[in-house]
Amino acid sequence: MGKIIAVANQKGGVGKTTSCVNLAASIASKGRRILLIDLDPQGNASMGSGINKNQVEYSAYEVLMGECEPTVAIHSTQAGYDLIPANRDLTAAEVGLLNATRKEFRLSQALTKIKGSYDYIFIDCPPSLNMLTVNALVAADSVLVPMQCEYFALEGLTGLVETIESIKATVNNKLKIEGLLRTMYDARNRLTTEVSDQLHKHFSDKVFKTVIPRNVRLAEAPSFGLPAMIYDKSSQGAQAYMELALEVLEKRETEFL
């Protein structure tokens, strides 16, 4: 049965979509069956995967609203993982779900039909704690939190952890933190090391050993509709996400011991 990991942080610009796309590609390269669900109306994960968000007939919106089966919305990517894309239509789901029955469970219910076909399902959440993010957290087994090592990141992390605990206490008792991923990391920056130390102090082994450096190739890759490992496999960014993939896989294997 596939493991569902929501990639979430209500703060924008922390490398959330970059992490989703590159982690999906890196784990897929290890022979695992991967599905990436773009749940952000901006559709950046879709475009960064080489899927034109403006030309898809079915997207995450139709899946959430029960207008199509998840299998109908799935696209294959050059990087070897499957994708359910998103576009601006998804903003309408916020309104459409308001009066829907069991509105928090729409994504979870849809994924029960395909969960067994994948080893991992990653959900790229929007940069806010809205109904789309709640649907992702209700469906997920765990949450991966990309974050920059800066002061305001710690403040935002508190709110996200509270939301995760609330979801766990009410509608998804299996939900846990998969790990905190330090992105755009610069060890020369004093604040970076101070915040990193604080993360280790408060979250201990929940902090991934892998750090994602600032890297030009990582920033360039989405404009070509490719993950970094396809665009430039030798780049520091691509190598860092491969290390993260191995760390995630190792963690999953220890869960079965």
Protein backbone atom coordinates (compact mmCIF):
# COMPACT_ATOMS: atom_id res chain seq x y z
CA MET A 1 0.00 0.00 0.00
CA GLY A 2 1.39 3.40 -0.97
CA LYS A 3 2.54 5.94 1.56
CA ILE A 4 0.95 9.38 1.16
CA ILE A 5 3.18 12.34 2.04
CA ALA A 6 1.84 15.89 2.03
CA VAL A 7 4.51 18.50 1.32
CA ALA A 8 3.28 21.57 3.15
CA ASN A 9 4.25 24.94 4.52
CA GLN A 10 1.88 27.91 4.68
CA LYS A 11 4.82 30.21 3.95
CA GLY A 12 5.52 30.66 0.27
CA GLY A 13 8.93 30.65 -1.37
CA VAL A 14 10.47 27.92 0.77
CA GLY A 15 11.11 25.39 -1.99
CA LYS A 16 7.96 23.36 -1.44
CA THR A 17 7.15 22.68 -5.09
CA THR A 18 10.82 22.25 -5.97
CA SER A 19 11.08 19.64 -3.25
CA CYS A 20 7.92 17.86 -4.41
CA VAL A 21 9.01 17.59 -8.03
CA ASN A 22 12.61 16.66 -7.35
CA LEU A 23 11.87 14.17 -4.59
CA ALA A 24 9.25 12.47 -6.80
CA ALA A 25 11.75 12.24 -9.67
CA SER A 26 14.59 11.01 -7.46
CA ILE A 27 12.57 8.24 -5.82
CA ALA A 28 11.09 7.25 -9.20
CA SER A 29 14.64 6.83 -10.48
CA LYS A 30 15.09 4.15 -7.82
CA GLY A 31 12.36 2.05 -9.40
CA ARG A 32 9.50 3.09 -7.12
CA ARG A 33 6.02 3.86 -8.45
CA ILE A 34 5.32 7.51 -7.74
CA LEU A 35 2.28 9.77 -8.05
CA LEU A 36 2.58 13.52 -7.57
CA ILE A 37 -0.64 15.43 -6.92
CA ASP A 38 -0.53 19.16 -7.62
CA LEU A 39 -2.97 20.70 -5.15
CA ASP A 40 -1.83 24.29 -5.65
CA PRO A 41 -3.96 26.44 -8.02
CA GLN A 42 -0.74 28.05 -9.27
CA GLY A 43 0.01 24.73 -10.98
CA ASN A 44 3.78 25.10 -10.62
CA ALA A 45 4.38 21.41 -9.93
CA SER A 46 2.49 20.60 -13.13
CA MET A 47 4.52 23.00 -15.27
CA GLY A 48 7.74 21.94 -13.57
CA SER A 49 6.90 18.35 -14.51
CA GLY A 50 6.47 19.22 -18.18
CA ILE A 51 2.65 19.19 -18.16
CA ASN A 52 0.94 22.31 -19.54
CA LYS A 53 -1.61 23.18 -16.85
CA ASN A 54 -3.69 25.18 -19.32
CA GLN A 55 -4.21 22.28 -21.71
CA VAL A 56 -5.38 19.50 -19.39
CA GLU A 57 -8.97 18.30 -19.62
CA TYR A 58 -9.11 16.86 -16.11
CA SER A 59 -7.23 18.07 -13.07
CA ALA A 60 -7.18 17.91 -9.28
CA TYR A 61 -10.30 20.10 -9.31
CA GLU A 62 -12.44 17.48 -11.02
CA VAL A 63 -11.02 14.78 -8.72
CA LEU A 64 -11.88 16.77 -5.59
CA MET A 65 -15.35 17.64 -6.81
CA GLY A 66 -16.10 14.04 -7.75
CA GLU A 67 -16.47 14.89 -11.44
CA CYS A 68 -13.96 12.26 -12.57
CA GLU A 69 -12.09 9.24 -11.30
CA PRO A 70 -8.46 9.93 -10.28
CA THR A 71 -7.16 7.61 -13.00
CA VAL A 72 -8.71 9.83 -15.68
CA ALA A 73 -6.69 12.86 -14.49
CA ILE A 74 -3.31 11.10 -14.32
CA HIS A 75 -0.53 12.10 -16.73
CA SER A 76 2.84 10.41 -17.23
CA THR A 77 5.99 12.56 -17.02
CA GLN A 78 9.40 12.36 -18.63
CA ALA A 79 10.95 11.87 -15.20
CA GLY A 80 9.13 8.57 -14.65
CA TYR A 81 6.44 9.57 -12.16
CA ASP A 82 2.71 10.11 -12.66
CA LEU A 83 1.03 13.45 -12.06
CA ILE A 84 -2.46 14.76 -11.34
CA PRO A 85 -2.13 18.39 -12.48
CA ALA A 86 -3.67 21.60 -11.17
CA ASN A 87 -4.56 25.01 -12.57
CA ARG A 88 -6.66 28.03 -11.67
CA ASP A 89 -9.82 25.90 -11.73
CA LEU A 90 -8.73 24.59 -8.35
CA THR A 91 -9.49 27.93 -6.70
CA ALA A 92 -13.18 27.15 -7.32
CA ALA A 93 -12.83 24.05 -5.18
CA GLU A 94 -12.49 26.27 -2.12
CA VAL A 95 -16.02 27.59 -2.70
CA GLY A 96 -17.39 24.32 -4.03
CA LEU A 97 -16.28 22.38 -0.98
CA LEU A 98 -17.81 24.77 1.54
CA ASN A 99 -21.25 23.16 1.40
CA ALA A 100 -20.11 19.68 0.39
CA THR A 101 -20.67 16.71 2.68
CA ARG A 102 -17.51 15.35 4.32
CA LYS A 103 -15.60 18.11 2.57
CA GLU A 104 -12.33 17.34 4.42
CA PHE A 105 -12.35 13.75 3.13
CA ARG A 106 -12.77 14.33 -0.62
CA LEU A 107 -9.13 13.69 -1.52
CA SER A 108 -8.77 10.82 0.92
CA GLN A 109 -11.80 9.08 -0.56
CA ALA A 110 -10.52 9.55 -4.11
CA LEU A 111 -7.08 8.16 -3.27
CA THR A 112 -8.41 4.95 -1.73
CA LYS A 113 -9.11 3.83 -5.31
CA ILE A 114 -5.50 4.21 -6.50
CA LYS A 115 -3.33 4.10 -3.38
CA GLY A 116 -2.41 0.47 -3.96
CA SER A 117 -0.95 1.26 -7.39
CA TYR A 118 1.87 3.41 -6.00
CA ASP A 119 4.73 3.14 -3.53
CA TYR A 120 4.57 6.85 -2.71
CA ILE A 121 2.03 9.60 -3.34
CA PHE A 122 3.29 13.15 -2.83
CA ILE A 123 0.87 16.06 -2.49
CA ASP A 124 2.10 19.56 -3.28
CA CYS A 125 -0.02 21.78 -1.02
CA PRO A 126 -0.80 25.47 -1.57
CA PRO A 127 1.07 28.01 0.58
CA SER A 128 -1.82 28.47 3.02
CA LEU A 129 -3.75 26.45 5.58
CA ASN A 130 -6.99 26.33 3.57
CA MET A 131 -9.46 23.57 2.69
CA LEU A 132 -7.14 22.20 0.00
CA THR A 133 -4.34 21.78 2.53
CA VAL A 134 -6.76 20.26 5.05
CA ASN A 135 -7.82 17.71 2.41
CA ALA A 136 -4.16 16.84 1.87
CA LEU A 137 -3.51 16.45 5.60
CA VAL A 138 -6.58 14.27 6.08
CA ALA A 139 -5.48 12.02 3.21
CA ALA A 140 -1.80 11.87 4.21
CA ASP A 141 0.15 9.46 6.36
CA SER A 142 2.76 12.11 7.07
CA VAL A 143 3.84 15.68 6.35
CA LEU A 144 7.17 16.78 4.92
CA VAL A 145 7.89 20.42 5.76
CA PRO A 146 10.37 22.32 3.58
CA MET A 147 11.63 25.47 5.27
CA GLN A 148 14.33 28.08 5.07
CA CYS A 149 16.51 28.59 8.12
CA GLU A 150 15.33 32.09 8.96
CA TYR A 151 13.56 33.66 11.93
CA PHE A 152 10.03 33.92 10.47
CA ALA A 153 10.20 30.30 9.34
CA LEU A 154 10.19 29.20 12.98
CA GLU A 155 7.11 31.31 13.68
CA GLY A 156 5.23 29.79 10.74
CA LEU A 157 6.29 26.29 11.72
CA THR A 158 4.49 26.64 15.04
CA GLY A 159 1.15 27.26 13.30
CA LEU A 160 1.65 24.34 10.92
CA VAL A 161 2.52 21.95 13.75
CA GLU A 162 -0.63 23.05 15.62
CA THR A 163 -2.72 22.36 12.52
CA ILE A 164 -1.13 18.92 12.10
CA GLU A 165 -1.86 18.08 15.74
CA SER A 166 -5.44 19.29 15.37
CA ILE A 167 -6.01 17.12 12.28
CA LYS A 168 -4.42 14.16 14.08
CA ALA A 169 -6.65 14.60 17.11
CA THR A 170 -9.89 14.86 15.15
CA VAL A 171 -9.96 13.22 11.73
CA ASN A 172 -6.63 11.50 10.97
CA ASN A 173 -5.00 9.82 13.94
CA LYS A 174 -2.20 8.32 11.83
CA LEU A 175 -0.85 11.71 10.70
CA LYS A 176 2.71 12.53 11.75
CA ILE A 177 5.61 14.71 10.71
CA GLU A 178 7.73 12.92 8.12
CA GLY A 179 10.53 15.40 8.56
CA LEU A 180 11.68 18.99 8.37
CA LEU A 181 13.71 19.77 5.25
CA ARG A 182 16.14 22.69 5.35
CA THR A 183 16.11 24.36 1.92
CA MET A 184 18.14 27.16 0.29
CA TYR A 185 20.76 26.30 2.87
CA ASP A 186 23.89 28.42 3.25
CA ALA A 187 26.21 27.21 6.02
CA ARG A 188 28.19 30.48 5.80
CA ASN A 189 25.17 32.38 7.10
CA ARG A 190 25.16 32.68 10.89
CA LEU A 191 21.37 32.88 11.14
CA THR A 192 21.09 29.70 9.07
CA THR A 193 23.20 27.75 11.55
CA GLU A 194 21.40 29.27 14.55
CA VAL A 195 17.94 28.36 13.24
CA SER A 196 19.22 24.93 12.22
CA ASP A 197 20.42 24.37 15.79
CA GLN A 198 17.00 25.40 17.10
CA LEU A 199 15.30 22.91 14.80
CA HIS A 200 17.52 20.11 16.05
CA LYS A 201 16.87 21.15 19.64
CA HIS A 202 13.07 21.11 19.33
CA PHE A 203 12.49 18.42 16.70
CA SER A 204 15.54 16.17 17.10
CA ASP A 205 15.42 13.25 14.67
CA LYS A 206 12.51 14.82 12.73
CA VAL A 207 15.06 17.06 10.99
CA PHE A 208 16.35 15.47 7.79
CA LYS A 209 20.13 15.06 7.67
CA THR A 210 20.05 16.16 4.04
CA VAL A 211 20.07 19.92 3.38
CA ILE A 212 19.16 21.48 0.04
CA PRO A 213 21.63 24.20 -0.99
CA ARG A 214 20.92 27.32 -2.97
CA ASN A 215 21.57 26.18 -6.51
CA VAL A 216 21.18 27.92 -9.87
CA ARG A 217 20.40 24.68 -11.72
CA LEU A 218 17.54 23.94 -9.32
CA ALA A 219 16.09 27.35 -10.09
CA GLU A 220 16.51 26.95 -13.86
CA ALA A 221 15.06 23.44 -14.23
CA PRO A 222 11.32 24.30 -13.86
CA SER A 223 11.44 26.69 -16.84
CA PHE A 224 12.34 23.67 -18.96
CA GLY A 225 9.56 21.54 -17.43
CA LEU A 226 12.10 19.19 -15.89
CA PRO A 227 13.26 18.07 -12.44
CA ALA A 228 16.90 18.93 -11.72
CA MET A 229 18.03 15.31 -12.02
CA ILE A 230 16.90 15.31 -15.66
CA TYR A 231 17.99 18.87 -16.41
CA ASP A 232 21.44 18.53 -14.79
CA LYS A 233 22.02 15.33 -12.84
CA SER A 234 25.50 16.45 -11.75
CA SER A 235 24.32 19.67 -10.12
CA GLN A 236 24.53 20.12 -6.35
CA GLY A 237 20.76 20.52 -6.17
CA ALA A 238 20.03 17.29 -8.02
CA GLN A 239 22.53 15.38 -5.89
CA ALA A 240 21.03 16.79 -2.68
CA TYR A 241 17.53 15.61 -3.64
CA MET A 242 18.91 12.17 -4.47
CA GLU A 243 20.40 12.04 -0.97
CA LEU A 244 17.01 13.07 0.42
CA ALA A 245 15.32 10.33 -1.61
CA LEU A 246 17.63 7.72 -0.11
CA GLU A 247 16.94 9.10 3.36
CA VAL A 248 13.16 8.89 2.82
CA LEU A 249 13.46 5.33 1.46
CA GLU A 250 15.63 4.25 4.37
CA LYS A 251 13.16 5.72 6.84
CA ARG A 252 10.29 3.81 5.21
CA GLU A 253 12.23 0.54 5.41
CA THR A 254 12.90 1.00 9.14
CA GLU A 255 9.16 1.52 9.72
CA PHE A 256 8.58 -2.07 8.63
CA LEU A 257 11.22 -3.53 10.94
